[in-house]
């Protein structure tokens, strides 16, 4: 990429160098996401429409807009947060492992978090909501550490294969628990596992966005080091990058955000795998563009899937995780076809 493609913005003593085309594309994707969020806010089985959605945005305390404010807005906000976290987690793992197949689901992090949350739900049904992300983080971190210990490397295919093996094993454990548990307790767990956002509660939003800010902020802080790591471990060390610290920070951010997304919305597949690839296809390479694009496209994927699930077959609601599985397969085949000569 030539230097002419970059621009420099000066604000007093501060100077920011950015890629003009990628910045414009990421801005366009962000505006499109806002438009989709507004459309989702105005769409549903209730009587509230676009006028009510706009009225809620300008007067959010007005009790006349309870359908939009109490039902749709928290669900849309959670879809955006969970999608962004999963997109960022996928981008971080693909960067640190230098493997395009890396994904929180393929590495077992999602299943580890799911197992911990399900155990909490079945053993302590009345547990406070804030304990779910804590349990999910503990489960996801345990699986990530186990995969690293067995594979002894983060940059080889062996790490992916170990993660896939752990993922299948934990899926079998989860299935065994659900089969043997009491049917009344299992029903709520099954709905949650399908990736349903229907049970979103407003008090869960601050925790979800706090995890998004913490994990995303950590990825932004390590962005330059991650860019250098793509040149290879030897080159990165020569450029002054502490590779081990970078990998641990990236894994920690990915586990934090994956656990938070799983704890709040259940299993949402394909987002962490597809969002980074869609970003590279639509926006281009570059770590800054990858982070911004993956967060935006991940949020958009979950938002669109949830909106389709709650409106297409209304009043019956299809969990977003099921819709994502269908959309994910279609998008994956489209990407594979577009890059058929590069594979």
C-alpha atoms as a PDB file:
ATOM      1  CA  UNK A   1       0.000   0.000   0.000  1.00  0.00           C
ATOM      2  CA  UNK A   2       1.492   3.337  -1.028  1.00  0.00           C
ATOM      3  CA  UNK A   3       1.961   6.221   1.357  1.00  0.00           C
ATOM      4  CA  UNK A   4      -0.356   8.329  -0.848  1.00  0.00           C
ATOM      5  CA  UNK A   5      -3.301   6.286   0.411  1.00  0.00           C
ATOM      6  CA  UNK A   6      -2.794   7.612   3.943  1.00  0.00           C
ATOM      7  CA  UNK A   7      -3.768  10.966   5.394  1.00  0.00           C
ATOM      8  CA  UNK A   8      -2.585  12.734   8.515  1.00  0.00           C
ATOM      9  CA  UNK A   9      -4.865  14.634  10.895  1.00  0.00           C
ATOM     10  CA  UNK A  10      -3.230  17.148  13.228  1.00  0.00           C
ATOM     11  CA  UNK A  11      -4.864  18.455  16.393  1.00  0.00           C
ATOM     12  CA  UNK A  12      -2.342  20.726  18.037  1.00  0.00           C
ATOM     13  CA  UNK A  13       0.557  18.558  19.241  1.00  0.00           C
ATOM     14  CA  UNK A  14      -1.328  15.374  18.351  1.00  0.00           C
ATOM     15  CA  UNK A  15      -1.059  13.716  14.954  1.00  0.00           C
ATOM     16  CA  UNK A  16      -3.185  10.833  13.636  1.00  0.00           C
ATOM     17  CA  UNK A  17      -2.295   8.851  10.525  1.00  0.00           C
ATOM     18  CA  UNK A  18      -5.191   7.024   8.863  1.00  0.00           C
ATOM     19  CA  UNK A  19      -6.049   5.267   5.610  1.00  0.00           C
ATOM     20  CA  UNK A  20      -8.603   7.411   3.784  1.00  0.00           C
ATOM     21  CA  UNK A  21     -10.418   4.658   1.862  1.00  0.00           C
ATOM     22  CA  UNK A  22     -10.659   2.235   4.770  1.00  0.00           C
ATOM     23  CA  UNK A  23     -11.795   4.989   7.111  1.00  0.00           C
ATOM     24  CA  UNK A  24     -14.537   5.985   4.674  1.00  0.00           C
ATOM     25  CA  UNK A  25     -15.685   2.370   4.294  1.00  0.00           C
ATOM     26  CA  UNK A  26     -15.743   1.778   8.057  1.00  0.00           C
ATOM     27  CA  UNK A  27     -17.693   5.014   8.527  1.00  0.00           C
ATOM     28  CA  UNK A  28     -20.183   3.887   5.886  1.00  0.00           C
ATOM     29  CA  UNK A  29     -20.606   0.525   7.620  1.00  0.00           C
ATOM     30  CA  UNK A  30     -21.192   2.291  10.943  1.00  0.00           C
ATOM     31  CA  UNK A  31     -23.874   4.515   9.395  1.00  0.00           C
ATOM     32  CA  UNK A  32     -25.502   1.465   7.811  1.00  0.00           C
ATOM     33  CA  UNK A  33     -25.505  -0.237  11.216  1.00  0.00           C
ATOM     34  CA  UNK A  34     -27.258   2.769  12.756  1.00  0.00           C
ATOM     35  CA  UNK A  35     -29.879   2.652   9.997  1.00  0.00           C
ATOM     36  CA  UNK A  36     -30.422  -1.073  10.609  1.00  0.00           C
ATOM     37  CA  UNK A  37     -30.778  -0.444  14.341  1.00  0.00           C
ATOM     38  CA  UNK A  38     -33.407   2.240  13.709  1.00  0.00           C
ATOM     39  CA  UNK A  39     -35.269  -0.082  11.320  1.00  0.00           C
ATOM     40  CA  UNK A  40     -35.179  -2.868  13.918  1.00  0.00           C
ATOM     41  CA  UNK A  41     -36.437  -0.454  16.568  1.00  0.00           C
ATOM     42  CA  UNK A  42     -39.430   0.393  14.351  1.00  0.00           C
ATOM     43  CA  UNK A  43     -40.154  -3.234  13.376  1.00  0.00           C
ATOM     44  CA  UNK A  44     -42.027  -5.819  15.385  1.00  0.00           C
ATOM     45  CA  UNK A  45     -45.302  -7.550  16.080  1.00  0.00           C
ATOM     46  CA  UNK A  46     -46.609  -4.648  18.191  1.00  0.00           C
ATOM     47  CA  UNK A  47     -48.296  -1.464  17.027  1.00  0.00           C
ATOM     48  CA  UNK A  48     -45.236   0.732  17.507  1.00  0.00           C
ATOM     49  CA  UNK A  49     -43.708   1.919  14.223  1.00  0.00           C
ATOM     50  CA  UNK A  50     -41.129   4.363  12.942  1.00  0.00           C
ATOM     51  CA  UNK A  51     -42.843   7.393  14.500  1.00  0.00           C
ATOM     52  CA  UNK A  52     -42.829   5.707  17.913  1.00  0.00           C
ATOM     53  CA  UNK A  53     -39.185   4.716  17.490  1.00  0.00           C
ATOM     54  CA  UNK A  54     -38.184   8.290  16.672  1.00  0.00           C
ATOM     55  CA  UNK A  55     -40.298   9.594  19.544  1.00  0.00           C
ATOM     56  CA  UNK A  56     -38.571   7.171  21.916  1.00  0.00           C
ATOM     57  CA  UNK A  57     -35.141   8.356  20.769  1.00  0.00           C
ATOM     58  CA  UNK A  58     -36.063  11.983  21.390  1.00  0.00           C
ATOM     59  CA  UNK A  59     -38.102  11.382  24.583  1.00  0.00           C
ATOM     60  CA  UNK A  60     -36.865   8.070  26.074  1.00  0.00           C
ATOM     61  CA  UNK A  61     -38.647   8.617  29.407  1.00  0.00           C
ATOM     62  CA  UNK A  62     -42.113   8.897  27.849  1.00  0.00           C
ATOM     63  CA  UNK A  63     -44.208   5.944  29.119  1.00  0.00           C
ATOM     64  CA  UNK A  64     -46.280   5.944  25.927  1.00  0.00           C
ATOM     65  CA  UNK A  65     -43.453   4.206  24.101  1.00  0.00           C
ATOM     66  CA  UNK A  66     -43.129   1.204  26.424  1.00  0.00           C
ATOM     67  CA  UNK A  67     -43.126  -1.328  23.562  1.00  0.00           C
ATOM     68  CA  UNK A  68     -40.084   0.300  22.002  1.00  0.00           C
ATOM     69  CA  UNK A  69     -38.294   1.209  25.221  1.00  0.00           C
ATOM     70  CA  UNK A  70     -39.023  -1.853  27.348  1.00  0.00           C
ATOM     71  CA  UNK A  71     -38.995  -4.621  24.748  1.00  0.00           C
ATOM     72  CA  UNK A  72     -37.172  -3.683  21.553  1.00  0.00           C
ATOM     73  CA  UNK A  73     -34.468  -1.227  22.662  1.00  0.00           C
ATOM     74  CA  UNK A  74     -32.762  -3.481  25.274  1.00  0.00           C
ATOM     75  CA  UNK A  75     -32.848  -6.422  22.863  1.00  0.00           C
ATOM     76  CA  UNK A  76     -31.328  -4.392  20.026  1.00  0.00           C
ATOM     77  CA  UNK A  77     -28.681  -2.929  22.330  1.00  0.00           C
ATOM     78  CA  UNK A  78     -27.731  -6.434  23.510  1.00  0.00           C
ATOM     79  CA  UNK A  79     -27.587  -7.740  19.937  1.00  0.00           C
ATOM     80  CA  UNK A  80     -25.197  -4.938  18.994  1.00  0.00           C
ATOM     81  CA  UNK A  81     -22.969  -5.533  22.025  1.00  0.00           C
ATOM     82  CA  UNK A  82     -22.811  -9.326  21.665  1.00  0.00           C
ATOM     83  CA  UNK A  83     -22.222  -9.163  17.917  1.00  0.00           C
ATOM     84  CA  UNK A  84     -19.420  -6.630  18.324  1.00  0.00           C
ATOM     85  CA  UNK A  85     -17.753  -8.706  21.045  1.00  0.00           C
ATOM     86  CA  UNK A  86     -17.879 -11.907  18.998  1.00  0.00           C
ATOM     87  CA  UNK A  87     -16.609 -10.141  15.880  1.00  0.00           C
ATOM     88  CA  UNK A  88     -13.710  -8.647  17.820  1.00  0.00           C
ATOM     89  CA  UNK A  89     -12.941 -11.995  19.470  1.00  0.00           C
ATOM     90  CA  UNK A  90     -12.748 -13.721  16.102  1.00  0.00           C
ATOM     91  CA  UNK A  91     -10.507 -10.996  14.654  1.00  0.00           C
ATOM     92  CA  UNK A  92      -8.198 -11.160  17.674  1.00  0.00           C
ATOM     93  CA  UNK A  93      -7.845 -14.940  17.561  1.00  0.00           C
ATOM     94  CA  UNK A  94      -7.264 -15.005  13.816  1.00  0.00           C
ATOM     95  CA  UNK A  95      -4.541 -12.395  14.204  1.00  0.00           C
ATOM     96  CA  UNK A  96      -2.709 -13.948  17.134  1.00  0.00           C
ATOM     97  CA  UNK A  97      -2.797 -17.453  15.645  1.00  0.00           C
ATOM     98  CA  UNK A  98      -2.260 -16.211  12.054  1.00  0.00           C
ATOM     99  CA  UNK A  99      -4.973 -18.668  11.068  1.00  0.00           C
ATOM    100  CA  UNK A 100      -8.184 -17.689   9.274  1.00  0.00           C
ATOM    101  CA  UNK A 101     -10.045 -20.641  10.831  1.00  0.00           C
ATOM    102  CA  UNK A 102      -9.593 -19.386  14.383  1.00  0.00           C
ATOM    103  CA  UNK A 103     -12.893 -18.656  16.099  1.00  0.00           C
ATOM    104  CA  UNK A 104     -14.114 -18.698  19.724  1.00  0.00           C
ATOM    105  CA  UNK A 105     -16.300 -21.693  18.840  1.00  0.00           C
ATOM    106  CA  UNK A 106     -13.599 -23.658  17.049  1.00  0.00           C
ATOM    107  CA  UNK A 107     -11.174 -23.155  19.937  1.00  0.00           C
ATOM    108  CA  UNK A 108     -13.627 -24.352  22.568  1.00  0.00           C
ATOM    109  CA  UNK A 109     -13.837 -21.002  24.371  1.00  0.00           C
ATOM    110  CA  UNK A 110     -17.541 -20.644  23.605  1.00  0.00           C
ATOM    111  CA  UNK A 111     -18.323 -24.184  24.766  1.00  0.00           C
ATOM    112  CA  UNK A 112     -16.286 -23.718  27.935  1.00  0.00           C
ATOM    113  CA  UNK A 113     -18.197 -20.547  28.770  1.00  0.00           C
ATOM    114  CA  UNK A 114     -21.504 -22.245  27.892  1.00  0.00           C
ATOM    115  CA  UNK A 115     -20.752 -25.214  30.146  1.00  0.00           C
ATOM    116  CA  UNK A 116     -19.935 -22.962  33.082  1.00  0.00           C
ATOM    117  CA  UNK A 117     -23.068 -20.842  32.616  1.00  0.00           C
ATOM    118  CA  UNK A 118     -25.326 -23.893  32.189  1.00  0.00           C
ATOM    119  CA  UNK A 119     -23.908 -25.440  35.352  1.00  0.00           C
ATOM    120  CA  UNK A 120     -24.632 -22.187  37.187  1.00  0.00           C
ATOM    121  CA  UNK A 121     -28.186 -22.018  35.789  1.00  0.00           C
ATOM    122  CA  UNK A 122     -29.005 -25.628  36.736  1.00  0.00           C
ATOM    123  CA  UNK A 123     -27.296 -25.724  40.130  1.00  0.00           C
ATOM    124  CA  UNK A 124     -28.226 -22.193  41.271  1.00  0.00           C
ATOM    125  CA  UNK A 125     -31.352 -21.073  39.343  1.00  0.00           C
ATOM    126  CA  UNK A 126     -31.731 -17.965  41.482  1.00  0.00           C
ATOM    127  CA  UNK A 127     -28.132 -16.785  41.056  1.00  0.00           C
ATOM    128  CA  UNK A 128     -27.725 -13.063  40.262  1.00  0.00           C
ATOM    129  CA  UNK A 129     -27.254 -12.215  36.588  1.00  0.00           C
ATOM    130  CA  UNK A 130     -23.816 -10.700  37.147  1.00  0.00           C
ATOM    131  CA  UNK A 131     -22.491 -14.146  38.124  1.00  0.00           C
ATOM    132  CA  UNK A 132     -23.103 -15.525  34.621  1.00  0.00           C
ATOM    133  CA  UNK A 133     -20.298 -13.567  32.914  1.00  0.00           C
ATOM    134  CA  UNK A 134     -17.958 -14.396  35.789  1.00  0.00           C
ATOM    135  CA  UNK A 135     -18.717 -18.100  35.438  1.00  0.00           C
ATOM    136  CA  UNK A 136     -18.460 -17.862  31.668  1.00  0.00           C
ATOM    137  CA  UNK A 137     -15.080 -16.140  31.855  1.00  0.00           C
ATOM    138  CA  UNK A 138     -13.773 -18.805  34.223  1.00  0.00           C
ATOM    139  CA  UNK A 139     -14.952 -21.597  31.909  1.00  0.00           C
ATOM    140  CA  UNK A 140     -13.687 -19.964  28.728  1.00  0.00           C
ATOM    141  CA  UNK A 141     -10.312 -19.120  30.260  1.00  0.00           C
ATOM    142  CA  UNK A 142      -9.888 -22.680  31.566  1.00  0.00           C
ATOM    143  CA  UNK A 143     -10.485 -24.122  28.084  1.00  0.00           C
ATOM    144  CA  UNK A 144      -8.154 -21.584  26.437  1.00  0.00           C
ATOM    145  CA  UNK A 145      -5.373 -22.406  28.914  1.00  0.00           C
ATOM    146  CA  UNK A 146      -5.944 -26.129  28.407  1.00  0.00           C
ATOM    147  CA  UNK A 147      -5.712 -25.724  24.608  1.00  0.00           C
ATOM    148  CA  UNK A 148      -2.505 -23.707  24.920  1.00  0.00           C
ATOM    149  CA  UNK A 149      -0.976 -26.224  27.322  1.00  0.00           C
ATOM    150  CA  UNK A 150      -1.751 -29.191  25.071  1.00  0.00           C
ATOM    151  CA  UNK A 151      -0.805 -27.513  21.776  1.00  0.00           C
ATOM    152  CA  UNK A 152       2.246 -25.685  23.206  1.00  0.00           C
ATOM    153  CA  UNK A 153       1.924 -23.115  20.432  1.00  0.00           C
ATOM    154  CA  UNK A 154      -0.555 -20.488  19.244  1.00  0.00           C
ATOM    155  CA  UNK A 155       0.618 -20.181  15.668  1.00  0.00           C
ATOM    156  CA  UNK A 156       0.353 -23.762  14.432  1.00  0.00           C
ATOM    157  CA  UNK A 157      -2.562 -25.784  13.109  1.00  0.00           C
ATOM    158  CA  UNK A 158      -2.183 -28.040  16.154  1.00  0.00           C
ATOM    159  CA  UNK A 159      -3.683 -25.294  18.336  1.00  0.00           C
ATOM    160  CA  UNK A 160      -6.787 -25.187  16.110  1.00  0.00           C
ATOM    161  CA  UNK A 161      -7.104 -28.981  16.094  1.00  0.00           C
ATOM    162  CA  UNK A 162      -6.779 -29.170  19.879  1.00  0.00           C
ATOM    163  CA  UNK A 163      -9.423 -26.457  20.205  1.00  0.00           C
ATOM    164  CA  UNK A 164     -11.787 -28.329  17.896  1.00  0.00           C
ATOM    165  CA  UNK A 165     -11.301 -31.514  19.924  1.00  0.00           C
ATOM    166  CA  UNK A 166     -12.014 -29.699  23.187  1.00  0.00           C
ATOM    167  CA  UNK A 167     -15.035 -28.028  21.604  1.00  0.00           C
ATOM    168  CA  UNK A 168     -16.577 -31.361  20.580  1.00  0.00           C
ATOM    169  CA  UNK A 169     -15.800 -32.902  23.967  1.00  0.00           C
ATOM    170  CA  UNK A 170     -17.426 -30.023  25.846  1.00  0.00           C
ATOM    171  CA  UNK A 171     -20.431 -30.132  23.517  1.00  0.00           C
ATOM    172  CA  UNK A 172     -20.897 -33.784  24.454  1.00  0.00           C
ATOM    173  CA  UNK A 173     -20.634 -32.921  28.161  1.00  0.00           C
ATOM    174  CA  UNK A 174     -23.244 -30.179  27.762  1.00  0.00           C
ATOM    175  CA  UNK A 175     -25.580 -32.578  25.919  1.00  0.00           C
ATOM    176  CA  UNK A 176     -25.158 -35.196  28.648  1.00  0.00           C
ATOM    177  CA  UNK A 177     -25.979 -32.650  31.353  1.00  0.00           C
ATOM    178  CA  UNK A 178     -29.089 -31.470  29.532  1.00  0.00           C
ATOM    179  CA  UNK A 179     -30.303 -35.040  28.929  1.00  0.00           C
ATOM    180  CA  UNK A 180     -29.947 -36.054  32.568  1.00  0.00           C
ATOM    181  CA  UNK A 181     -31.192 -32.813  34.184  1.00  0.00           C
ATOM    182  CA  UNK A 182     -34.766 -32.078  35.242  1.00  0.00           C
ATOM    183  CA  UNK A 183     -36.966 -31.170  32.256  1.00  0.00           C
ATOM    184  CA  UNK A 184     -38.274 -27.965  33.847  1.00  0.00           C
ATOM    185  CA  UNK A 185     -34.759 -26.705  34.495  1.00  0.00           C
ATOM    186  CA  UNK A 186     -33.535 -27.722  31.052  1.00  0.00           C
ATOM    187  CA  UNK A 187     -36.151 -25.725  29.118  1.00  0.00           C
ATOM    188  CA  UNK A 188     -34.701 -22.329  30.054  1.00  0.00           C
ATOM    189  CA  UNK A 189     -31.174 -23.568  29.388  1.00  0.00           C
ATOM    190  CA  UNK A 190     -32.148 -24.899  25.952  1.00  0.00           C
ATOM    191  CA  UNK A 191     -33.732 -21.579  24.909  1.00  0.00           C
ATOM    192  CA  UNK A 192     -30.646 -19.730  26.123  1.00  0.00           C
ATOM    193  CA  UNK A 193     -28.309 -22.150  24.294  1.00  0.00           C
ATOM    194  CA  UNK A 194     -30.117 -21.558  21.010  1.00  0.00           C
ATOM    195  CA  UNK A 195     -28.914 -17.959  21.077  1.00  0.00           C
ATOM    196  CA  UNK A 196     -32.138 -16.241  22.047  1.00  0.00           C
ATOM    197  CA  UNK A 197     -32.169 -12.545  22.946  1.00  0.00           C
ATOM    198  CA  UNK A 198     -35.796 -12.611  24.059  1.00  0.00           C
ATOM    199  CA  UNK A 199     -34.806 -12.812  27.725  1.00  0.00           C
ATOM    200  CA  UNK A 200     -32.625  -9.701  27.638  1.00  0.00           C
ATOM    201  CA  UNK A 201     -32.988  -7.583  30.746  1.00  0.00           C
ATOM    202  CA  UNK A 202     -31.897  -3.921  30.923  1.00  0.00           C
ATOM    203  CA  UNK A 203     -29.665  -4.538  33.958  1.00  0.00           C
ATOM    204  CA  UNK A 204     -27.507  -6.862  31.834  1.00  0.00           C
ATOM    205  CA  UNK A 205     -26.581  -4.095  29.379  1.00  0.00           C
ATOM    206  CA  UNK A 206     -24.056  -2.165  31.534  1.00  0.00           C
ATOM    207  CA  UNK A 207     -22.079  -5.345  32.162  1.00  0.00           C
ATOM    208  CA  UNK A 208     -22.115  -6.315  28.465  1.00  0.00           C
ATOM    209  CA  UNK A 209     -20.930  -2.892  27.318  1.00  0.00           C
ATOM    210  CA  UNK A 210     -18.310  -2.742  30.083  1.00  0.00           C
ATOM    211  CA  UNK A 211     -16.842  -6.038  28.819  1.00  0.00           C
ATOM    212  CA  UNK A 212     -16.997  -4.722  25.239  1.00  0.00           C
ATOM    213  CA  UNK A 213     -15.181  -1.524  26.217  1.00  0.00           C
ATOM    214  CA  UNK A 214     -12.541  -3.390  28.230  1.00  0.00           C
ATOM    215  CA  UNK A 215     -11.877  -6.100  25.648  1.00  0.00           C
ATOM    216  CA  UNK A 216     -12.072  -3.755  22.656  1.00  0.00           C
ATOM    217  CA  UNK A 217      -9.869  -1.193  24.390  1.00  0.00           C
ATOM    218  CA  UNK A 218      -7.243  -3.851  25.065  1.00  0.00           C
ATOM    219  CA  UNK A 219      -7.225  -4.825  21.381  1.00  0.00           C
ATOM    220  CA  UNK A 220      -6.847  -1.174  20.352  1.00  0.00           C
ATOM    221  CA  UNK A 221      -3.915  -0.720  22.737  1.00  0.00           C
ATOM    222  CA  UNK A 222      -2.151  -3.779  21.280  1.00  0.00           C
ATOM    223  CA  UNK A 223      -3.107  -2.952  17.688  1.00  0.00           C
ATOM    224  CA  UNK A 224       0.357  -1.880  16.511  1.00  0.00           C
ATOM    225  CA  UNK A 225       2.038  -4.874  18.149  1.00  0.00           C
ATOM    226  CA  UNK A 226      -0.516  -7.195  16.559  1.00  0.00           C
ATOM    227  CA  UNK A 227       0.209  -5.648  13.163  1.00  0.00           C
ATOM    228  CA  UNK A 228       3.900  -6.365  13.625  1.00  0.00           C
ATOM    229  CA  UNK A 229       3.226  -9.941  14.773  1.00  0.00           C
ATOM    230  CA  UNK A 230       1.733 -10.745  11.355  1.00  0.00           C
ATOM    231  CA  UNK A 231       5.253 -10.479   9.926  1.00  0.00           C
ATOM    232  CA  UNK A 232       6.296 -13.496  11.970  1.00  0.00           C
ATOM    233  CA  UNK A 233       7.579 -14.046  15.481  1.00  0.00           C
ATOM    234  CA  UNK A 234      11.221 -13.316  14.648  1.00  0.00           C
ATOM    235  CA  UNK A 235      10.420 -10.067  12.839  1.00  0.00           C
ATOM    236  CA  UNK A 236       8.043  -8.979  15.600  1.00  0.00           C
ATOM    237  CA  UNK A 237      10.692  -9.539  18.280  1.00  0.00           C
ATOM    238  CA  UNK A 238      13.165  -7.579  16.166  1.00  0.00           C
ATOM    239  CA  UNK A 239      10.667  -4.682  16.100  1.00  0.00           C
ATOM    240  CA  UNK A 240      10.476  -4.691  19.887  1.00  0.00           C
ATOM    241  CA  UNK A 241       7.225  -6.632  20.351  1.00  0.00           C
ATOM    242  CA  UNK A 242       6.953  -8.835  23.439  1.00  0.00           C
ATOM    243  CA  UNK A 243       5.178 -11.707  21.693  1.00  0.00           C
ATOM    244  CA  UNK A 244       4.173 -13.618  24.823  1.00  0.00           C
ATOM    245  CA  UNK A 245       2.582 -10.543  26.419  1.00  0.00           C
ATOM    246  CA  UNK A 246       0.771  -9.789  23.170  1.00  0.00           C
ATOM    247  CA  UNK A 247      -0.633 -13.302  22.927  1.00  0.00           C
ATOM    248  CA  UNK A 248      -1.753 -13.363  26.548  1.00  0.00           C
ATOM    249  CA  UNK A 249      -3.433  -9.947  26.236  1.00  0.00           C
ATOM    250  CA  UNK A 250      -5.182 -10.991  23.022  1.00  0.00           C
ATOM    251  CA  UNK A 251      -6.374 -14.296  24.464  1.00  0.00           C
ATOM    252  CA  UNK A 252      -7.570 -12.534  27.626  1.00  0.00           C
ATOM    253  CA  UNK A 253      -9.546  -9.953  25.631  1.00  0.00           C
ATOM    254  CA  UNK A 254     -11.070 -12.659  23.423  1.00  0.00           C
ATOM    255  CA  UNK A 255     -12.054 -14.853  26.381  1.00  0.00           C
ATOM    256  CA  UNK A 256     -13.543 -11.868  28.242  1.00  0.00           C
ATOM    257  CA  UNK A 257     -15.723 -10.770  25.325  1.00  0.00           C
ATOM    258  CA  UNK A 258     -16.724 -14.299  24.270  1.00  0.00           C
ATOM    259  CA  UNK A 259     -17.715 -15.207  27.813  1.00  0.00           C
ATOM    260  CA  UNK A 260     -19.726 -12.008  28.184  1.00  0.00           C
ATOM    261  CA  UNK A 261     -21.523 -12.564  24.858  1.00  0.00           C
ATOM    262  CA  UNK A 262     -22.281 -16.201  25.653  1.00  0.00           C
ATOM    263  CA  UNK A 263     -23.454 -15.322  29.163  1.00  0.00           C
ATOM    264  CA  UNK A 264     -25.838 -12.647  27.897  1.00  0.00           C
ATOM    265  CA  UNK A 265     -27.171 -14.200  24.678  1.00  0.00           C
ATOM    266  CA  UNK A 266     -26.203 -17.876  24.552  1.00  0.00           C
ATOM    267  CA  UNK A 267     -24.523 -19.564  21.614  1.00  0.00           C
ATOM    268  CA  UNK A 268     -24.254 -17.347  18.529  1.00  0.00           C
ATOM    269  CA  UNK A 269     -22.264 -19.189  15.893  1.00  0.00           C
ATOM    270  CA  UNK A 270     -20.418 -18.008  12.772  1.00  0.00           C
ATOM    271  CA  UNK A 271     -20.069 -14.384  13.936  1.00  0.00           C
ATOM    272  CA  UNK A 272     -16.467 -14.646  15.114  1.00  0.00           C
ATOM    273  CA  UNK A 273     -15.487 -16.579  12.003  1.00  0.00           C
ATOM    274  CA  UNK A 274     -17.293 -14.511   9.364  1.00  0.00           C
ATOM    275  CA  UNK A 275     -17.009 -10.925  10.599  1.00  0.00           C
ATOM    276  CA  UNK A 276     -13.198 -10.681  10.135  1.00  0.00           C
ATOM    277  CA  UNK A 277     -13.358 -12.327   6.694  1.00  0.00           C
ATOM    278  CA  UNK A 278     -16.170 -10.024   5.603  1.00  0.00           C
ATOM    279  CA  UNK A 279     -14.101  -7.064   6.821  1.00  0.00           C
ATOM    280  CA  UNK A 280     -11.075  -8.135   4.795  1.00  0.00           C
ATOM    281  CA  UNK A 281     -13.292  -8.613   1.755  1.00  0.00           C
ATOM    282  CA  UNK A 282     -15.237  -5.335   2.032  1.00  0.00           C
ATOM    283  CA  UNK A 283     -12.747  -2.997   3.709  1.00  0.00           C
ATOM    284  CA  UNK A 284      -9.298  -4.504   3.242  1.00  0.00           C
ATOM    285  CA  UNK A 285      -6.382  -5.500   5.430  1.00  0.00           C
ATOM    286  CA  UNK A 286      -4.850  -3.504   8.250  1.00  0.00           C
ATOM    287  CA  UNK A 287      -5.328  -4.079  11.957  1.00  0.00           C
ATOM    288  CA  UNK A 288      -7.229  -0.846  12.615  1.00  0.00           C
ATOM    289  CA  UNK A 289      -9.683  -1.580   9.797  1.00  0.00           C
ATOM    290  CA  UNK A 290      -9.991  -5.194  10.955  1.00  0.00           C
ATOM    291  CA  UNK A 291     -10.921  -4.175  14.498  1.00  0.00           C
ATOM    292  CA  UNK A 292     -13.408  -1.496  13.457  1.00  0.00           C
ATOM    293  CA  UNK A 293     -14.940  -3.546  10.646  1.00  0.00           C
ATOM    294  CA  UNK A 294     -15.211  -6.782  12.634  1.00  0.00           C
ATOM    295  CA  UNK A 295     -16.992  -5.024  15.498  1.00  0.00           C
ATOM    296  CA  UNK A 296     -19.405  -3.270  13.115  1.00  0.00           C
ATOM    297  CA  UNK A 297     -20.133  -6.277  10.895  1.00  0.00           C
ATOM    298  CA  UNK A 298     -20.406  -8.627  13.883  1.00  0.00           C
ATOM    299  CA  UNK A 299     -22.963  -6.323  15.470  1.00  0.00           C
ATOM    300  CA  UNK A 300     -24.820  -6.098  12.163  1.00  0.00           C
ATOM    301  CA  UNK A 301     -24.939  -9.869  11.695  1.00  0.00           C
ATOM    302  CA  UNK A 302     -26.482 -10.478  15.119  1.00  0.00           C
ATOM    303  CA  UNK A 303     -28.881  -7.536  14.767  1.00  0.00           C
ATOM    304  CA  UNK A 304     -30.156  -8.707  11.377  1.00  0.00           C
ATOM    305  CA  UNK A 305     -30.478 -12.317  12.579  1.00  0.00           C
ATOM    306  CA  UNK A 306     -32.426 -11.296  15.689  1.00  0.00           C
ATOM    307  CA  UNK A 307     -34.700  -8.953  13.720  1.00  0.00           C
ATOM    308  CA  UNK A 308     -35.479 -11.680  11.178  1.00  0.00           C
ATOM    309  CA  UNK A 309     -36.092 -14.206  13.947  1.00  0.00           C
ATOM    310  CA  UNK A 310     -38.565 -12.052  15.849  1.00  0.00           C
ATOM    311  CA  UNK A 311     -40.468 -10.611  12.874  1.00  0.00           C
ATOM    312  CA  UNK A 312     -40.476 -13.085   9.974  1.00  0.00           C
ATOM    313  CA  UNK A 313     -42.664 -15.695  11.688  1.00  0.00           C
ATOM    314  CA  UNK A 314     -44.363 -13.445  14.272  1.00  0.00           C
ATOM    315  CA  UNK A 315     -45.822 -14.088  16.779  1.00  0.00           C
ATOM    316  CA  UNK A 316     -43.521 -17.157  16.818  1.00  0.00           C
ATOM    317  CA  UNK A 317     -39.946 -16.091  17.535  1.00  0.00           C
ATOM    318  CA  UNK A 318     -36.933 -17.935  16.129  1.00  0.00           C
ATOM    319  CA  UNK A 319     -33.738 -17.606  18.225  1.00  0.00           C
ATOM    320  CA  UNK A 320     -31.050 -15.485  16.619  1.00  0.00           C
ATOM    321  CA  UNK A 321     -28.562 -18.356  16.894  1.00  0.00           C
ATOM    322  CA  UNK A 322     -30.652 -20.506  14.532  1.00  0.00           C
ATOM    323  CA  UNK A 323     -31.042 -17.682  12.004  1.00  0.00           C
ATOM    324  CA  UNK A 324     -27.310 -17.003  12.209  1.00  0.00           C
ATOM    325  CA  UNK A 325     -26.569 -20.618  11.357  1.00  0.00           C
ATOM    326  CA  UNK A 326     -28.548 -20.287   8.127  1.00  0.00           C
ATOM    327  CA  UNK A 327     -27.166 -16.857   7.226  1.00  0.00           C
ATOM    328  CA  UNK A 328     -23.656 -17.923   8.210  1.00  0.00           C
ATOM    329  CA  UNK A 329     -23.598 -20.906   5.886  1.00  0.00           C
ATOM    330  CA  UNK A 330     -24.858 -18.776   2.971  1.00  0.00           C
ATOM    331  CA  UNK A 331     -22.295 -16.038   3.600  1.00  0.00           C
ATOM    332  CA  UNK A 332     -19.507 -18.585   4.045  1.00  0.00           C
ATOM    333  CA  UNK A 333     -20.283 -20.166   0.663  1.00  0.00           C
ATOM    334  CA  UNK A 334     -20.384 -16.709  -0.970  1.00  0.00           C
ATOM    335  CA  UNK A 335     -16.970 -15.841   0.485  1.00  0.00           C
ATOM    336  CA  UNK A 336     -15.529 -19.179  -0.584  1.00  0.00           C
ATOM    337  CA  UNK A 337     -16.867 -18.665  -4.111  1.00  0.00           C
ATOM    338  CA  UNK A 338     -15.459 -15.133  -4.301  1.00  0.00           C
ATOM    339  CA  UNK A 339     -12.030 -16.423  -3.256  1.00  0.00           C
ATOM    340  CA  UNK A 340     -12.143 -19.766  -5.017  1.00  0.00           C
ATOM    341  CA  UNK A 341      -8.957 -19.022  -6.956  1.00  0.00           C
ATOM    342  CA  UNK A 342      -7.042 -18.131  -3.780  1.00  0.00           C
ATOM    343  CA  UNK A 343      -7.790 -21.322  -1.839  1.00  0.00           C
END
